C-alpha atoms as a PDB file:
ATOM      1  CA  MET A   1      12.780  44.566 -31.468  1.00  0.00           C
ATOM      2  CA  ALA A   2      16.319  44.839 -29.880  1.00  0.00           C
ATOM      3  CA  ALA A   3      18.988  42.407 -30.287  1.00  0.00           C
ATOM      4  CA  THR A   4      19.205  39.537 -27.658  1.00  0.00           C
ATOM      5  CA  VAL A   5      22.498  39.327 -25.449  1.00  0.00           C
ATOM      6  CA  VAL A   6      23.156  35.799 -24.968  1.00  0.00           C
ATOM      7  CA  ALA A   7      25.922  34.423 -22.308  1.00  0.00           C
ATOM      8  CA  GLU A   8      26.283  30.586 -21.883  1.00  0.00           C
ATOM      9  CA  GLN A   9      27.332  29.775 -18.493  1.00  0.00           C
ATOM     10  CA  THR A  10      28.079  26.689 -16.234  1.00  0.00           C
ATOM     11  CA  ILE A  11      26.435  26.545 -12.851  1.00  0.00           C
ATOM     12  CA  GLN A  12      29.042  26.582 -10.017  1.00  0.00           C
ATOM     13  CA  GLU A  13      29.148  25.822  -6.235  1.00  0.00           C
ATOM     14  CA  TRP A  14      29.031  28.928  -3.878  1.00  0.00           C
ATOM     15  CA  GLY A  15      29.086  27.953  -0.220  1.00  0.00           C
ATOM     16  CA  ASN A  16      26.222  25.689   0.544  1.00  0.00           C
ATOM     17  CA  GLY A  17      24.632  26.752  -2.789  1.00  0.00           C
ATOM     18  CA  LEU A  18      24.859  27.348  -6.409  1.00  0.00           C
ATOM     19  CA  ALA A  19      25.721  30.291  -8.495  1.00  0.00           C
ATOM     20  CA  VAL A  20      25.820  31.772 -11.900  1.00  0.00           C
ATOM     21  CA  ARG A  21      27.778  34.765 -12.853  1.00  0.00           C
ATOM     22  CA  ILE A  22      26.140  37.705 -14.615  1.00  0.00           C
ATOM     23  CA  THR A  23      28.568  38.806 -17.138  1.00  0.00           C
ATOM     24  CA  ALA A  24      29.046  42.559 -17.493  1.00  0.00           C
ATOM     25  CA  PRO A  25      27.086  42.552 -20.986  1.00  0.00           C
ATOM     26  CA  VAL A  26      24.141  40.708 -19.593  1.00  0.00           C
ATOM     27  CA  ALA A  27      23.817  43.093 -16.505  1.00  0.00           C
ATOM     28  CA  LYS A  28      24.340  46.268 -18.757  1.00  0.00           C
ATOM     29  CA  ALA A  29      21.500  44.836 -20.973  1.00  0.00           C
ATOM     30  CA  ALA A  30      19.088  44.123 -18.353  1.00  0.00           C
ATOM     31  CA  HIS A  31      20.116  47.454 -16.533  1.00  0.00           C
ATOM     32  CA  PHE A  32      21.235  45.631 -13.374  1.00  0.00           C
ATOM     33  CA  ALA A  33      23.383  47.515 -10.835  1.00  0.00           C
ATOM     34  CA  LEU A  34      25.190  46.483  -7.634  1.00  0.00           C
ATOM     35  CA  GLY A  35      22.617  46.402  -4.855  1.00  0.00           C
ATOM     36  CA  LEU A  36      19.544  46.198  -7.116  1.00  0.00           C
ATOM     37  CA  PRO A  37      16.812  43.753  -5.436  1.00  0.00           C
ATOM     38  CA  ILE A  38      15.542  40.985  -7.677  1.00  0.00           C
ATOM     39  CA  ARG A  39      12.967  38.279  -7.214  1.00  0.00           C
ATOM     40  CA  VAL A  40      14.183  34.779  -8.457  1.00  0.00           C
ATOM     41  CA  GLU A  41      11.114  32.767  -9.972  1.00  0.00           C
ATOM     42  CA  VAL A  42      10.960  29.289 -11.207  1.00  0.00           C
ATOM     43  CA  VAL A  43       9.055  29.427 -14.352  1.00  0.00           C
ATOM     44  CA  GLU A  44       7.996  26.781 -17.106  1.00  0.00           C
ATOM     45  CA  GLY A  45      11.307  26.172 -18.934  1.00  0.00           C
ATOM     46  CA  GLY A  46      13.865  27.960 -16.662  1.00  0.00           C
ATOM     47  CA  VAL A  47      14.384  30.768 -14.052  1.00  0.00           C
ATOM     48  CA  LEU A  48      13.199  34.215 -14.192  1.00  0.00           C
ATOM     49  CA  LEU A  49      15.278  37.255 -12.698  1.00  0.00           C
ATOM     50  CA  ARG A  50      12.980  40.409 -12.107  1.00  0.00           C
ATOM     51  CA  VAL A  51      13.777  43.671 -10.786  1.00  0.00           C
ATOM     52  CA  VAL A  52      11.394  44.458  -7.572  1.00  0.00           C
ATOM     53  CA  GLY A  53      12.675  47.813  -6.480  1.00  0.00           C
ATOM     54  CA  GLU A  54      15.542  50.737  -6.423  1.00  0.00           C
ATOM     55  CA  PRO A  55      19.136  49.945  -5.608  1.00  0.00           C
ATOM     56  CA  ASN A  56      20.094  49.842  -2.014  1.00  0.00           C
ATOM     57  CA  LEU A  57      22.745  52.683  -2.220  1.00  0.00           C
ATOM     58  CA  SER A  58      25.811  52.367   0.417  1.00  0.00           C
ATOM     59  CA  LEU A  59      26.657  55.474   2.278  1.00  0.00           C
ATOM     60  CA  ALA A  60      29.494  56.188  -0.051  1.00  0.00           C
ATOM     61  CA  GLN A  61      27.186  56.131  -3.012  1.00  0.00           C
ATOM     62  CA  LYS A  62      24.776  58.468  -1.647  1.00  0.00           C
ATOM     63  CA  LEU A  63      27.815  60.777  -0.503  1.00  0.00           C
ATOM     64  CA  LYS A  64      29.027  60.662  -4.206  1.00  0.00           C
ATOM     65  CA  LEU A  65      25.521  61.846  -5.226  1.00  0.00           C
ATOM     66  CA  PHE A  66      25.300  64.789  -2.657  1.00  0.00           C
ATOM     67  CA  ASP A  67      25.403  67.991  -4.573  1.00  0.00           C
ATOM     68  CA  PRO A  68      25.354  71.248  -2.201  1.00  0.00           C
ATOM     69  CA  ALA A  69      23.964  73.213  -5.064  1.00  0.00           C
ATOM     70  CA  ILE A  70      20.950  71.004  -5.284  1.00  0.00           C
ATOM     71  CA  HIS A  71      20.568  70.053  -1.528  1.00  0.00           C
ATOM     72  CA  GLY A  72      20.895  73.614  -0.248  1.00  0.00           C
ATOM     73  CA  GLY A  73      23.998  73.231   1.116  1.00  0.00           C
ATOM     74  CA  GLU A  74      23.435  72.172   4.551  1.00  0.00           C
ATOM     75  CA  ALA A  75      21.278  69.063   5.900  1.00  0.00           C
ATOM     76  CA  MET A  76      19.024  71.386   7.901  1.00  0.00           C
ATOM     77  CA  PRO A  77      19.286  75.073   6.980  1.00  0.00           C
ATOM     78  CA  GLY A  78      17.085  77.199   8.945  1.00  0.00           C
ATOM     79  CA  ARG A  79      16.911  79.410  12.314  1.00  0.00           C
ATOM     80  CA  ARG A  80      17.347  78.230  15.543  1.00  0.00           C
ATOM     81  CA  VAL A  81      14.699  76.331  17.257  1.00  0.00           C
ATOM     82  CA  GLY A  82      16.061  75.372  20.315  1.00  0.00           C
ATOM     83  CA  ALA A  83      19.168  76.105  22.698  1.00  0.00           C
ATOM     84  CA  GLU A  84      21.719  75.411  20.257  1.00  0.00           C
ATOM     85  CA  VAL A  85      25.110  76.870  20.983  1.00  0.00           C
ATOM     86  CA  PHE A  86      27.000  78.646  18.148  1.00  0.00           C
END
């Protein structure tokens, strides 16, 4: 079994709600990333954070991942299909 990562925190006020900061070691161990959708569940004895999908990437993040060698160089390579002007 993998080692447990533990971080003792204090609940803080954030706007009209409460917040707990997820420290870098905890986020890394949980494979959390910016934009990752999660579900927060109240369970017996505490609160459970569960990943429910893939991260929502910003345009800058998507463009950083774009590789012309993999993606064909152009968004829509192909022949003319209408009255395009070149």
